[in-house]
PDB file of N, CA and C in Angstrom:
ATOM      1  N   MET A   1      39.994 164.658 128.328  1.00  0.00           N
ATOM      2  CA  MET A   1      41.186 164.731 129.157  1.00  0.00           C
ATOM      3  C   MET A   1      41.062 163.720 130.295  1.00  0.00           C
ATOM      4  N   LYS A   2      42.087 162.947 130.501  1.00  0.00           N
ATOM      5  CA  LYS A   2      42.111 161.944 131.551  1.00  0.00           C
ATOM      6  C   LYS A   2      42.583 162.583 132.859  1.00  0.00           C
ATOM      7  N   THR A   3      41.870 162.298 133.943  1.00  0.00           N
ATOM      8  CA  THR A   3      42.203 162.861 135.238  1.00  0.00           C
ATOM      9  C   THR A   3      42.814 161.800 136.138  1.00  0.00           C
ATOM     10  N   HIS A   4      43.867 162.169 136.855  1.00  0.00           N
ATOM     11  CA  HIS A   4      44.501 161.298 137.842  1.00  0.00           C
ATOM     12  C   HIS A   4      44.360 161.985 139.196  1.00  0.00           C
ATOM     13  N   SER A   5      43.990 161.236 140.201  1.00  0.00           N
ATOM     14  CA  SER A   5      43.761 161.840 141.508  1.00  0.00           C
ATOM     15  C   SER A   5      44.361 161.009 142.626  1.00  0.00           C
ATOM     16  N   THR A   6      44.512 161.652 143.746  1.00  0.00           N
ATOM     17  CA  THR A   6      44.935 160.988 144.973  1.00  0.00           C
ATOM     18  C   THR A   6      43.851 161.200 146.005  1.00  0.00           C
ATOM     19  N   THR A   7      43.610 160.195 146.786  1.00  0.00           N
ATOM     20  CA  THR A   7      42.656 160.321 147.881  1.00  0.00           C
ATOM     21  C   THR A   7      43.359 159.983 149.180  1.00  0.00           C
ATOM     22  N   ILE A   8      43.163 160.836 150.146  1.00  0.00           N
ATOM     23  CA  ILE A   8      43.577 160.544 151.512  1.00  0.00           C
ATOM     24  C   ILE A   8      42.273 160.374 152.278  1.00  0.00           C
ATOM     25  N   VAL A   9      42.139 159.270 152.963  1.00  0.00           N
ATOM     26  CA  VAL A   9      40.908 159.007 153.706  1.00  0.00           C
ATOM     27  C   VAL A   9      41.246 158.843 155.184  1.00  0.00           C
ATOM     28  N   ALA A  10      40.403 159.415 156.037  1.00  0.00           N
ATOM     29  CA  ALA A  10      40.601 159.300 157.484  1.00  0.00           C
ATOM     30  C   ALA A  10      39.272 158.956 158.141  1.00  0.00           C
ATOM     31  N   VAL A  11      39.343 158.116 159.151  1.00  0.00           N
ATOM     32  CA  VAL A  11      38.161 157.719 159.909  1.00  0.00           C
ATOM     33  C   VAL A  11      38.491 157.853 161.390  1.00  0.00           C
ATOM     34  N   LYS A  12      37.584 158.494 162.141  1.00  0.00           N
ATOM     35  CA  LYS A  12      37.774 158.626 163.587  1.00  0.00           C
ATOM     36  C   LYS A  12      36.581 158.001 164.291  1.00  0.00           C
ATOM     37  N   LYS A  13      36.861 157.166 165.268  1.00  0.00           N
ATOM     38  CA  LYS A  13      35.814 156.583 166.101  1.00  0.00           C
ATOM     39  C   LYS A  13      36.326 156.570 167.526  1.00  0.00           C
ATOM     40  N   ASP A  14      35.602 157.264 168.386  1.00  0.00           N
ATOM     41  CA  ASP A  14      35.997 157.403 169.780  1.00  0.00           C
ATOM     42  C   ASP A  14      37.419 157.976 169.834  1.00  0.00           C
ATOM     43  N   ALA A  15      38.349 157.289 170.444  1.00  0.00           N
ATOM     44  CA  ALA A  15      39.715 157.806 170.578  1.00  0.00           C
ATOM     45  C   ALA A  15      40.666 157.217 169.544  1.00  0.00           C
ATOM     46  N   ARG A  16      40.125 156.571 168.512  1.00  0.00           N
ATOM     47  CA  ARG A  16      40.976 155.938 167.497  1.00  0.00           C
ATOM     48  C   ARG A  16      40.800 156.617 166.141  1.00  0.00           C
ATOM     49  N   VAL A  17      41.913 156.700 165.422  1.00  0.00           N
ATOM     50  CA  VAL A  17      41.906 157.305 164.090  1.00  0.00           C
ATOM     51  C   VAL A  17      42.658 156.393 163.136  1.00  0.00           C
ATOM     52  N   ALA A  18      42.110 156.235 161.938  1.00  0.00           N
ATOM     53  CA  ALA A  18      42.807 155.513 160.866  1.00  0.00           C
ATOM     54  C   ALA A  18      42.899 156.457 159.675  1.00  0.00           C
ATOM     55  N   ILE A  19      44.054 156.513 159.045  1.00  0.00           N
ATOM     56  CA  ILE A  19      44.252 157.367 157.876  1.00  0.00           C
ATOM     57  C   ILE A  19      45.075 156.589 156.854  1.00  0.00           C
ATOM     58  N   ALA A  20      44.718 156.729 155.585  1.00  0.00           N
ATOM     59  CA  ALA A  20      45.409 155.980 154.530  1.00  0.00           C
ATOM     60  C   ALA A  20      45.423 156.782 153.236  1.00  0.00           C
ATOM     61  N   GLY A  21      46.387 156.465 152.387  1.00  0.00           N
ATOM     62  CA  GLY A  21      46.487 157.088 151.071  1.00  0.00           C
ATOM     63  C   GLY A  21      47.283 156.191 150.152  1.00  0.00           C
ATOM     64  N   ASP A  22      47.190 156.443 148.863  1.00  0.00           N
ATOM     65  CA  ASP A  22      47.966 155.637 147.914  1.00  0.00           C
ATOM     66  C   ASP A  22      49.426 156.080 147.941  1.00  0.00           C
ATOM     67  N   GLY A  23      50.281 155.359 147.235  1.00  0.00           N
ATOM     68  CA  GLY A  23      51.705 155.664 147.249  1.00  0.00           C
ATOM     69  C   GLY A  23      52.251 156.112 145.916  1.00  0.00           C
ATOM     70  N   GLN A  24      51.376 156.442 144.981  1.00  0.00           N
ATOM     71  CA  GLN A  24      51.838 156.774 143.630  1.00  0.00           C
ATOM     72  C   GLN A  24      51.958 158.283 143.439  1.00  0.00           C
ATOM     73  N   VAL A  25      53.080 158.720 142.859  1.00  0.00           N
ATOM     74  CA  VAL A  25      53.298 160.118 142.503  1.00  0.00           C
ATOM     75  C   VAL A  25      53.453 160.184 140.993  1.00  0.00           C
ATOM     76  N   THR A  26      52.697 161.081 140.359  1.00  0.00           N
ATOM     77  CA  THR A  26      52.775 161.223 138.907  1.00  0.00           C
ATOM     78  C   THR A  26      53.242 162.626 138.540  1.00  0.00           C
ATOM     79  N   LEU A  27      53.803 162.722 137.355  1.00  0.00           N
ATOM     80  CA  LEU A  27      54.182 163.995 136.767  1.00  0.00           C
ATOM     81  C   LEU A  27      53.701 163.934 135.332  1.00  0.00           C
ATOM     82  N   GLY A  28      52.665 164.706 135.027  1.00  0.00           N
ATOM     83  CA  GLY A  28      52.040 164.577 133.712  1.00  0.00           C
ATOM     84  C   GLY A  28      51.416 163.203 133.593  1.00  0.00           C
ATOM     85  N   ASN A  29      51.774 162.472 132.552  1.00  0.00           N
ATOM     86  CA  ASN A  29      51.246 161.125 132.354  1.00  0.00           C
ATOM     87  C   ASN A  29      52.161 160.039 132.905  1.00  0.00           C
ATOM     88  N   GLY A  30      53.300 160.425 133.455  1.00  0.00           N
ATOM     89  CA  GLY A  30      54.259 159.428 133.925  1.00  0.00           C
ATOM     90  C   GLY A  30      54.229 159.224 135.429  1.00  0.00           C
ATOM     91  N   ILE A  31      54.451 158.002 135.838  1.00  0.00           N
ATOM     92  CA  ILE A  31      54.570 157.671 137.254  1.00  0.00           C
ATOM     93  C   ILE A  31      56.033 157.857 137.636  1.00  0.00           C
ATOM     94  N   ILE A  32      56.289 158.732 138.608  1.00  0.00           N
ATOM     95  CA  ILE A  32      57.681 158.979 138.989  1.00  0.00           C
ATOM     96  C   ILE A  32      58.058 158.299 140.298  1.00  0.00           C
ATOM     97  N   LYS A  33      57.062 157.847 141.054  1.00  0.00           N
ATOM     98  CA  LYS A  33      57.340 157.135 142.303  1.00  0.00           C
ATOM     99  C   LYS A  33      56.147 156.254 142.638  1.00  0.00           C
ATOM    100  N   ASN A  34      56.438 155.013 143.033  1.00  0.00           N
ATOM    101  CA  ASN A  34      55.366 154.075 143.365  1.00  0.00           C
ATOM    102  C   ASN A  34      55.127 153.914 144.857  1.00  0.00           C
ATOM    103  N   HIS A  35      56.067 154.316 145.669  1.00  0.00           N
ATOM    104  CA  HIS A  35      55.960 154.045 147.104  1.00  0.00           C
ATOM    105  C   HIS A  35      56.160 155.306 147.946  1.00  0.00           C
ATOM    106  N   ALA A  36      55.530 156.401 147.552  1.00  0.00           N
ATOM    107  CA  ALA A  36      55.640 157.641 148.320  1.00  0.00           C
ATOM    108  C   ALA A  36      54.900 157.495 149.650  1.00  0.00           C
ATOM    109  N   LYS A  37      55.413 158.151 150.673  1.00  0.00           N
ATOM    110  CA  LYS A  37      54.752 158.142 151.981  1.00  0.00           C
ATOM    111  C   LYS A  37      53.914 159.412 152.100  1.00  0.00           C
ATOM    112  N   LYS A  38      52.640 159.306 151.748  1.00  0.00           N
ATOM    113  CA  LYS A  38      51.740 160.455 151.786  1.00  0.00           C
ATOM    114  C   LYS A  38      51.046 160.598 153.130  1.00  0.00           C
ATOM    115  N   VAL A  39      51.248 159.640 153.995  1.00  0.00           N
ATOM    116  CA  VAL A  39      50.733 159.696 155.362  1.00  0.00           C
ATOM    117  C   VAL A  39      51.937 159.576 156.287  1.00  0.00           C
ATOM    118  N   ARG A  40      52.071 160.525 157.192  1.00  0.00           N
ATOM    119  CA  ARG A  40      53.252 160.550 158.063  1.00  0.00           C
ATOM    120  C   ARG A  40      52.866 160.836 159.506  1.00  0.00           C
ATOM    121  N   LEU A  41      53.704 160.351 160.405  1.00  0.00           N
ATOM    122  CA  LEU A  41      53.575 160.676 161.822  1.00  0.00           C
ATOM    123  C   LEU A  41      54.461 161.879 162.115  1.00  0.00           C
ATOM    124  N   LEU A  42      53.911 162.860 162.829  1.00  0.00           N
ATOM    125  CA  LEU A  42      54.639 164.061 163.210  1.00  0.00           C
ATOM    126  C   LEU A  42      54.608 164.201 164.729  1.00  0.00           C
ATOM    127  N   ALA A  43      55.416 165.089 165.253  1.00  0.00           N
ATOM    128  CA  ALA A  43      55.459 165.394 166.692  1.00  0.00           C
ATOM    129  C   ALA A  43      55.627 164.134 167.527  1.00  0.00           C
ATOM    130  N   GLY A  44      56.593 163.319 167.153  1.00  0.00           N
ATOM    131  CA  GLY A  44      56.875 162.107 167.913  1.00  0.00           C
ATOM    132  C   GLY A  44      55.747 161.094 167.893  1.00  0.00           C
ATOM    133  N   GLY A  45      54.963 161.077 166.813  1.00  0.00           N
ATOM    134  CA  GLY A  45      53.874 160.113 166.681  1.00  0.00           C
ATOM    135  C   GLY A  45      52.555 160.568 167.268  1.00  0.00           C
ATOM    136  N   LYS A  46      52.475 161.803 167.754  1.00  0.00           N
ATOM    137  CA  LYS A  46      51.237 162.311 168.343  1.00  0.00           C
ATOM    138  C   LYS A  46      50.272 162.861 167.299  1.00  0.00           C
ATOM    139  N   ILE A  47      50.793 163.184 166.109  1.00  0.00           N
ATOM    140  CA  ILE A  47      49.977 163.766 165.039  1.00  0.00           C
ATOM    141  C   ILE A  47      50.166 162.940 163.782  1.00  0.00           C
ATOM    142  N   VAL A  48      49.050 162.632 163.117  1.00  0.00           N
ATOM    143  CA  VAL A  48      49.079 161.915 161.845  1.00  0.00           C
ATOM    144  C   VAL A  48      48.663 162.910 160.771  1.00  0.00           C
ATOM    145  N   ALA A  49      49.442 163.014 159.686  1.00  0.00           N
ATOM    146  CA  ALA A  49      49.143 163.952 158.607  1.00  0.00           C
ATOM    147  C   ALA A  49      49.224 163.241 157.270  1.00  0.00           C
ATOM    148  N   GLY A  50      48.367 163.654 156.339  1.00  0.00           N
ATOM    149  CA  GLY A  50      48.394 163.109 154.991  1.00  0.00           C
ATOM    150  C   GLY A  50      48.249 164.230 153.987  1.00  0.00           C
ATOM    151  N   PHE A  51      48.772 164.033 152.782  1.00  0.00           N
ATOM    152  CA  PHE A  51      48.638 165.063 151.757  1.00  0.00           C
ATOM    153  C   PHE A  51      48.278 164.449 150.419  1.00  0.00           C
ATOM    154  N   ALA A  52      47.571 165.241 149.626  1.00  0.00           N
ATOM    155  CA  ALA A  52      47.200 164.846 148.273  1.00  0.00           C
ATOM    156  C   ALA A  52      47.378 166.064 147.378  1.00  0.00           C
ATOM    157  N   GLY A  53      47.509 165.836 146.097  1.00  0.00           N
ATOM    158  CA  GLY A  53      47.691 166.945 145.170  1.00  0.00           C
ATOM    159  C   GLY A  53      49.127 167.021 144.715  1.00  0.00           C
ATOM    160  N   SER A  54      49.591 168.229 144.495  1.00  0.00           N
ATOM    161  CA  SER A  54      50.956 168.426 144.033  1.00  0.00           C
ATOM    162  C   SER A  54      51.933 167.838 145.042  1.00  0.00           C
ATOM    163  N   ALA A  55      52.656 166.843 144.623  1.00  0.00           N
ATOM    164  CA  ALA A  55      53.564 166.125 145.528  1.00  0.00           C
ATOM    165  C   ALA A  55      54.599 167.055 146.152  1.00  0.00           C
ATOM    166  N   ALA A  56      55.193 167.908 145.355  1.00  0.00           N
ATOM    167  CA  ALA A  56      56.233 168.798 145.880  1.00  0.00           C
ATOM    168  C   ALA A  56      55.671 169.735 146.940  1.00  0.00           C
ATOM    169  N   ASP A  57      54.495 170.307 146.684  1.00  0.00           N
ATOM    170  CA  ASP A  57      53.875 171.192 147.666  1.00  0.00           C
ATOM    171  C   ASP A  57      53.513 170.436 148.934  1.00  0.00           C
ATOM    172  N   GLY A  58      52.973 169.236 148.769  1.00  0.00           N
ATOM    173  CA  GLY A  58      52.594 168.436 149.928  1.00  0.00           C
ATOM    174  C   GLY A  58      53.777 168.079 150.799  1.00  0.00           C
ATOM    175  N   ILE A  59      54.846 167.662 150.184  1.00  0.00           N
ATOM    176  CA  ILE A  59      56.055 167.304 150.929  1.00  0.00           C
ATOM    177  C   ILE A  59      56.624 168.535 151.631  1.00  0.00           C
ATOM    178  N   ALA A  60      56.679 169.651 150.920  1.00  0.00           N
ATOM    179  CA  ALA A  60      57.199 170.885 151.512  1.00  0.00           C
ATOM    180  C   ALA A  60      56.341 171.329 152.694  1.00  0.00           C
ATOM    181  N   LEU A  61      55.020 171.243 152.553  1.00  0.00           N
ATOM    182  CA  LEU A  61      54.134 171.643 153.645  1.00  0.00           C
ATOM    183  C   LEU A  61      54.311 170.757 154.871  1.00  0.00           C
ATOM    184  N   LEU A  62      54.401 169.446 154.661  1.00  0.00           N
ATOM    185  CA  LEU A  62      54.587 168.547 155.802  1.00  0.00           C
ATOM    186  C   LEU A  62      55.910 168.810 156.511  1.00  0.00           C
ATOM    187  N   GLU A  63      56.961 169.065 155.746  1.00  0.00           N
ATOM    188  CA  GLU A  63      58.257 169.359 156.359  1.00  0.00           C
ATOM    189  C   GLU A  63      58.198 170.649 157.167  1.00  0.00           C
ATOM    190  N   ARG A  64      57.546 171.664 156.607  1.00  0.00           N
ATOM    191  CA  ARG A  64      57.433 172.935 157.329  1.00  0.00           C
ATOM    192  C   ARG A  64      56.532 172.796 158.553  1.00  0.00           C
ATOM    193  N   LEU A  65      55.459 172.006 158.431  1.00  0.00           N
ATOM    194  CA  LEU A  65      54.589 171.781 159.585  1.00  0.00           C
ATOM    195  C   LEU A  65      55.361 171.086 160.697  1.00  0.00           C
ATOM    196  N   GLU A  66      56.172 170.119 160.333  1.00  0.00           N
ATOM    197  CA  GLU A  66      56.967 169.418 161.342  1.00  0.00           C
ATOM    198  C   GLU A  66      57.917 170.386 162.059  1.00  0.00           C
ATOM    199  N   GLN A  67      58.521 171.304 161.307  1.00  0.00           N
ATOM    200  CA  GLN A  67      59.399 172.311 161.919  1.00  0.00           C
ATOM    201  C   GLN A  67      58.620 173.213 162.872  1.00  0.00           C
ATOM    202  N   LYS A  68      57.429 173.629 162.449  1.00  0.00           N
ATOM    203  CA  LYS A  68      56.596 174.496 163.294  1.00  0.00           C
ATOM    204  C   LYS A  68      56.155 173.758 164.555  1.00  0.00           C
ATOM    205  N   LEU A  69      55.836 172.473 164.426  1.00  0.00           N
ATOM    206  CA  LEU A  69      55.457 171.686 165.598  1.00  0.00           C
ATOM    207  C   LEU A  69      56.602 171.622 166.601  1.00  0.00           C
ATOM    208  N   GLU A  70      57.816 171.455 166.109  1.00  0.00           N
ATOM    209  CA  GLU A  70      58.984 171.429 166.996  1.00  0.00           C
ATOM    210  C   GLU A  70      59.171 172.784 167.674  1.00  0.00           C
ATOM    211  N   THR A  71      59.004 173.849 166.907  1.00  0.00           N
ATOM    212  CA  THR A  71      59.162 175.201 167.444  1.00  0.00           C
ATOM    213  C   THR A  71      58.129 175.504 168.525  1.00  0.00           C
ATOM    214  N   HIS A  72      56.902 175.017 168.338  1.00  0.00           N
ATOM    215  CA  HIS A  72      55.798 175.350 169.239  1.00  0.00           C
ATOM    216  C   HIS A  72      55.406 174.188 170.150  1.00  0.00           C
ATOM    217  N   GLY A  73      56.356 173.329 170.453  1.00  0.00           N
ATOM    218  CA  GLY A  73      56.160 172.280 171.448  1.00  0.00           C
ATOM    219  C   GLY A  73      55.037 171.300 171.153  1.00  0.00           C
ATOM    220  N   GLY A  74      54.793 171.014 169.866  1.00  0.00           N
ATOM    221  CA  GLY A  74      53.759 170.049 169.505  1.00  0.00           C
ATOM    222  C   GLY A  74      52.352 170.617 169.492  1.00  0.00           C
ATOM    223  N   ASN A  75      52.199 171.933 169.669  1.00  0.00           N
ATOM    224  CA  ASN A  75      50.885 172.569 169.648  1.00  0.00           C
ATOM    225  C   ASN A  75      50.422 172.685 168.197  1.00  0.00           C
ATOM    226  N   LEU A  76      49.515 171.794 167.793  1.00  0.00           N
ATOM    227  CA  LEU A  76      49.082 171.711 166.396  1.00  0.00           C
ATOM    228  C   LEU A  76      48.400 172.985 165.922  1.00  0.00           C
ATOM    229  N   THR A  77      47.523 173.557 166.733  1.00  0.00           N
ATOM    230  CA  THR A  77      46.812 174.771 166.319  1.00  0.00           C
ATOM    231  C   THR A  77      47.793 175.904 166.064  1.00  0.00           C
ATOM    232  N   ARG A  78      48.685 176.128 166.985  1.00  0.00           N
ATOM    233  CA  ARG A  78      49.671 177.214 166.833  1.00  0.00           C
ATOM    234  C   ARG A  78      50.579 176.967 165.629  1.00  0.00           C
ATOM    235  N   ALA A  79      51.037 175.727 165.466  1.00  0.00           N
ATOM    236  CA  ALA A  79      51.908 175.390 164.342  1.00  0.00           C
ATOM    237  C   ALA A  79      51.197 175.607 163.012  1.00  0.00           C
ATOM    238  N   ALA A  80      49.928 175.204 162.929  1.00  0.00           N
ATOM    239  CA  ALA A  80      49.162 175.360 161.685  1.00  0.00           C
ATOM    240  C   ALA A  80      48.934 176.829 161.356  1.00  0.00           C
ATOM    241  N   VAL A  81      48.623 177.639 162.365  1.00  0.00           N
ATOM    242  CA  VAL A  81      48.412 179.074 162.140  1.00  0.00           C
ATOM    243  C   VAL A  81      49.702 179.731 161.657  1.00  0.00           C
ATOM    244  N   GLU A  82      50.809 179.422 162.299  1.00  0.00           N
ATOM    245  CA  GLU A  82      52.088 180.010 161.896  1.00  0.00           C
ATOM    246  C   GLU A  82      52.492 179.565 160.490  1.00  0.00           C
ATOM    247  N   LEU A  83      52.221 178.313 160.156  1.00  0.00           N
ATOM    248  CA  LEU A  83      52.515 177.816 158.812  1.00  0.00           C
ATOM    249  C   LEU A  83      51.652 178.524 157.773  1.00  0.00           C
ATOM    250  N   ALA A  84      50.372 178.704 158.079  1.00  0.00           N
ATOM    251  CA  ALA A  84      49.469 179.391 157.148  1.00  0.00           C
ATOM    252  C   ALA A  84      49.925 180.823 156.901  1.00  0.00           C
ATOM    253  N   LYS A  85      50.371 181.503 157.933  1.00  0.00           N
ATOM    254  CA  LYS A  85      50.881 182.873 157.774  1.00  0.00           C
ATOM    255  C   LYS A  85      52.084 182.896 156.837  1.00  0.00           C
ATOM    256  N   GLU A  86      52.958 181.917 156.996  1.00  0.00           N
ATOM    257  CA  GLU A  86      54.183 181.845 156.197  1.00  0.00           C
ATOM    258  C   GLU A  86      53.899 181.432 154.751  1.00  0.00           C
ATOM    259  N   TRP A  87      52.952 180.536 154.549  1.00  0.00           N
ATOM    260  CA  TRP A  87      52.709 179.926 153.240  1.00  0.00           C
ATOM    261  C   TRP A  87      51.993 180.861 152.275  1.00  0.00           C
ATOM    262  N   ARG A  88      51.149 181.772 152.789  1.00  0.00           N
ATOM    263  CA  ARG A  88      50.346 182.611 151.883  1.00  0.00           C
ATOM    264  C   ARG A  88      51.109 183.687 151.226  1.00  0.00           C
TER     265      ARG A  88
END
């Protein structure tokens, strides 16, 4: 069985962070999108987020996280906890 994977990589040094990921989305053996944005800025550019795995789940999670960040004034910890409660 052939495996296809996505990698999101992040590097932090001092006060700087770099994060990157590929742009390909697959469904089964087919490529359905070549330029997906798997790394996004949230909370007005204060938070960088990336996702890998099921594209639909990743996109849905990022959208919900962004909503939670807006609700909780950009507080990442609170937004993540509230999202986890909702998602399970």
